[in-house]
């Protein structure tokens, strides 16, 4: 119960800090109805809602005297799993400007799938490559966002 409540409180603090940072995003001439701070504010609200739900669940389990049973070693595996996914995200952030958005995203998709137990092979490579290409087409081609291109344009004289 104490760990669940501590996690809920930590999530609420992170959501509040995230909202505080999002609130400071200045409007621009390119803003639409949502604005540049719209999505970060939604993320902050969702984080706060999840934090509140966790706090209510922790308090209810304490009040009823029935904490959810957890198998031995489950905390360590969950912590390791979260750390592994965080590591994959950190690797993406470290390489996206060098490799470019599409290739870095292919790496994230493949690494996450492998971590979750997908078998390595042509199928996984094709799905990751297709996913990277689809996201690149959507964000660069359709939405026209300025995404990192990596070192590839230099190879073609760009």
Protein backbone atom coordinates (compact mmCIF):
# COMPACT_ATOMS: atom_id res chain seq x y z
CA UNK A 1 0.00 0.00 0.00
CA UNK A 2 2.76 2.44 0.91
CA UNK A 3 4.56 1.88 -2.40
CA UNK A 4 1.35 2.35 -4.37
CA UNK A 5 0.53 5.55 -2.52
CA UNK A 6 4.10 6.82 -2.92
CA UNK A 7 3.94 6.06 -6.64
CA UNK A 8 0.61 7.86 -6.91
CA UNK A 9 1.97 10.92 -5.13
CA UNK A 10 5.08 10.92 -7.30
CA UNK A 11 2.93 10.73 -10.43
CA UNK A 12 0.82 13.63 -9.18
CA UNK A 13 3.97 15.70 -8.58
CA UNK A 14 5.29 14.90 -12.05
CA UNK A 15 1.92 15.80 -13.60
CA UNK A 16 1.86 19.10 -11.70
CA UNK A 17 5.41 19.93 -12.80
CA UNK A 18 4.59 18.97 -16.40
CA UNK A 19 1.51 21.20 -16.31
CA UNK A 20 3.60 24.04 -14.90
CA UNK A 21 6.06 23.71 -17.77
CA UNK A 22 3.27 23.41 -20.35
CA UNK A 23 1.57 26.51 -18.97
CA UNK A 24 4.69 28.53 -19.77
CA UNK A 25 4.61 27.66 -23.48
CA UNK A 26 3.91 30.91 -25.31
CA UNK A 27 1.28 31.08 -28.04
CA UNK A 28 2.57 31.62 -31.56
CA UNK A 29 1.12 32.82 -34.84
CA UNK A 30 1.00 29.20 -36.00
CA UNK A 31 -1.23 28.05 -33.12
CA UNK A 32 -4.47 26.32 -33.92
CA UNK A 33 -7.44 25.94 -31.57
CA UNK A 34 -5.45 23.58 -29.33
CA UNK A 35 -2.21 25.56 -29.34
CA UNK A 36 1.33 24.37 -28.69
CA UNK A 37 0.60 23.75 -25.01
CA UNK A 38 -2.61 21.78 -25.64
CA UNK A 39 -1.17 18.28 -25.86
CA UNK A 40 1.26 18.74 -22.93
CA UNK A 41 -1.67 19.96 -20.83
CA UNK A 42 -3.68 16.89 -21.80
CA UNK A 43 -0.73 14.67 -20.82
CA UNK A 44 -0.52 16.46 -17.48
CA UNK A 45 -4.25 15.98 -16.89
CA UNK A 46 -4.04 12.29 -17.80
CA UNK A 47 -1.05 11.82 -15.48
CA UNK A 48 -2.95 13.52 -12.67
CA UNK A 49 -6.03 11.36 -13.31
CA UNK A 50 -3.95 8.17 -13.22
CA UNK A 51 -2.19 9.38 -10.07
CA UNK A 52 -5.52 10.07 -8.39
CA UNK A 53 -6.88 6.68 -9.43
CA UNK A 54 -3.80 4.96 -7.99
CA UNK A 55 -4.14 6.92 -4.76
CA UNK A 56 -7.81 5.96 -4.43
CA UNK A 57 -6.99 2.32 -5.10
CA UNK A 58 -4.18 2.35 -2.54
CA UNK A 59 -6.40 4.01 0.05
CA UNK A 60 -9.27 1.59 -0.63
CA UNK A 61 -7.01 -1.45 -0.29
CA UNK A 62 -5.68 -0.07 2.99
CA UNK A 63 -9.17 0.74 4.29
CA UNK A 64 -10.46 -2.72 3.40
CA UNK A 65 -7.29 -4.37 4.66
CA UNK A 66 -6.80 -6.19 1.40
CA UNK A 67 -3.68 -5.21 -0.39
CA UNK A 68 -3.30 -6.83 -3.78
CA UNK A 69 -1.06 -9.90 -3.45
CA UNK A 70 2.14 -9.68 -5.42
CA UNK A 71 4.27 -12.68 -6.30
CA UNK A 72 7.79 -12.82 -4.91
CA UNK A 73 10.21 -10.92 -7.10
CA UNK A 74 7.45 -9.11 -9.02
CA UNK A 75 8.64 -5.67 -7.91
CA UNK A 76 12.13 -6.27 -9.21
CA UNK A 77 10.87 -7.55 -12.56
CA UNK A 78 8.52 -4.59 -12.93
CA UNK A 79 11.31 -2.17 -12.07
CA UNK A 80 13.65 -3.88 -14.50
CA UNK A 81 10.99 -3.80 -17.21
CA UNK A 82 10.40 -0.10 -16.71
CA UNK A 83 14.13 0.57 -16.72
CA UNK A 84 14.53 -1.39 -19.96
CA UNK A 85 11.80 0.57 -21.71
CA UNK A 86 13.25 3.82 -20.35
CA UNK A 87 16.62 2.74 -21.72
CA UNK A 88 15.10 2.14 -25.15
CA UNK A 89 13.57 5.62 -25.04
CA UNK A 90 16.87 7.15 -23.92
CA UNK A 91 18.69 5.39 -26.76
CA UNK A 92 16.14 6.84 -29.19
CA UNK A 93 16.69 10.35 -27.86
CA UNK A 94 20.46 9.93 -28.04
CA UNK A 95 20.42 8.73 -31.66
CA UNK A 96 17.49 10.48 -33.35
CA UNK A 97 19.48 13.53 -34.48
CA UNK A 98 22.30 11.36 -35.83
CA UNK A 99 20.31 8.56 -37.47
CA UNK A 100 17.23 10.56 -38.32
CA UNK A 101 13.66 10.11 -37.13
CA UNK A 102 12.70 7.18 -39.35
CA UNK A 103 15.75 5.02 -38.67
CA UNK A 104 15.76 5.76 -34.93
CA UNK A 105 12.07 4.86 -34.77
CA UNK A 106 12.76 1.59 -36.57
CA UNK A 107 15.29 0.84 -33.85
CA UNK A 108 12.81 1.69 -31.09
CA UNK A 109 10.10 -0.51 -32.60
CA UNK A 110 12.45 -3.43 -33.07
CA UNK A 111 14.03 -3.10 -29.62
CA UNK A 112 10.66 -2.81 -27.86
CA UNK A 113 9.28 -5.80 -29.75
CA UNK A 114 12.36 -7.89 -28.98
CA UNK A 115 12.17 -6.90 -25.33
CA UNK A 116 8.51 -7.95 -25.23
CA UNK A 117 9.43 -11.37 -26.60
CA UNK A 118 8.88 -11.08 -30.35
CA UNK A 119 11.11 -13.40 -32.34
CA UNK A 120 13.90 -11.75 -34.31
CA UNK A 121 13.72 -12.19 -38.03
CA UNK A 122 12.56 -10.81 -41.34
CA UNK A 123 9.00 -10.29 -40.14
CA UNK A 124 10.09 -8.12 -37.23
CA UNK A 125 12.46 -6.16 -39.48
CA UNK A 126 9.71 -5.60 -42.04
CA UNK A 127 7.20 -4.45 -39.41
CA UNK A 128 9.70 -2.08 -37.79
CA UNK A 129 10.80 -0.68 -41.18
CA UNK A 130 7.20 -0.28 -42.30
CA UNK A 131 6.28 1.43 -39.05
CA UNK A 132 9.23 3.81 -39.27
CA UNK A 133 8.37 4.65 -42.86
CA UNK A 134 4.68 5.14 -42.07
CA UNK A 135 5.39 7.50 -39.17
CA UNK A 136 7.94 9.41 -41.25
CA UNK A 137 5.47 9.79 -44.14
CA UNK A 138 2.74 10.93 -41.76
CA UNK A 139 4.76 13.43 -39.74
CA UNK A 140 7.02 14.74 -42.50
CA UNK A 141 4.92 14.28 -45.62
CA UNK A 142 1.35 14.78 -44.40
CA UNK A 143 1.77 17.10 -41.41
CA UNK A 144 4.90 18.81 -42.73
CA UNK A 145 6.65 18.77 -39.37
CA UNK A 146 10.35 19.48 -39.19
CA UNK A 147 11.65 16.13 -37.95
CA UNK A 148 15.33 15.17 -37.64
CA UNK A 149 16.68 13.83 -40.90
CA UNK A 150 20.02 12.59 -39.56
CA UNK A 151 23.11 12.16 -41.68
CA UNK A 152 21.23 10.85 -44.75
CA UNK A 153 20.83 14.15 -46.65
CA UNK A 154 24.62 14.65 -46.53
CA UNK A 155 25.06 11.34 -48.37
CA UNK A 156 22.94 12.63 -51.24
CA UNK A 157 24.53 16.09 -51.33
CA UNK A 158 21.68 17.80 -49.40
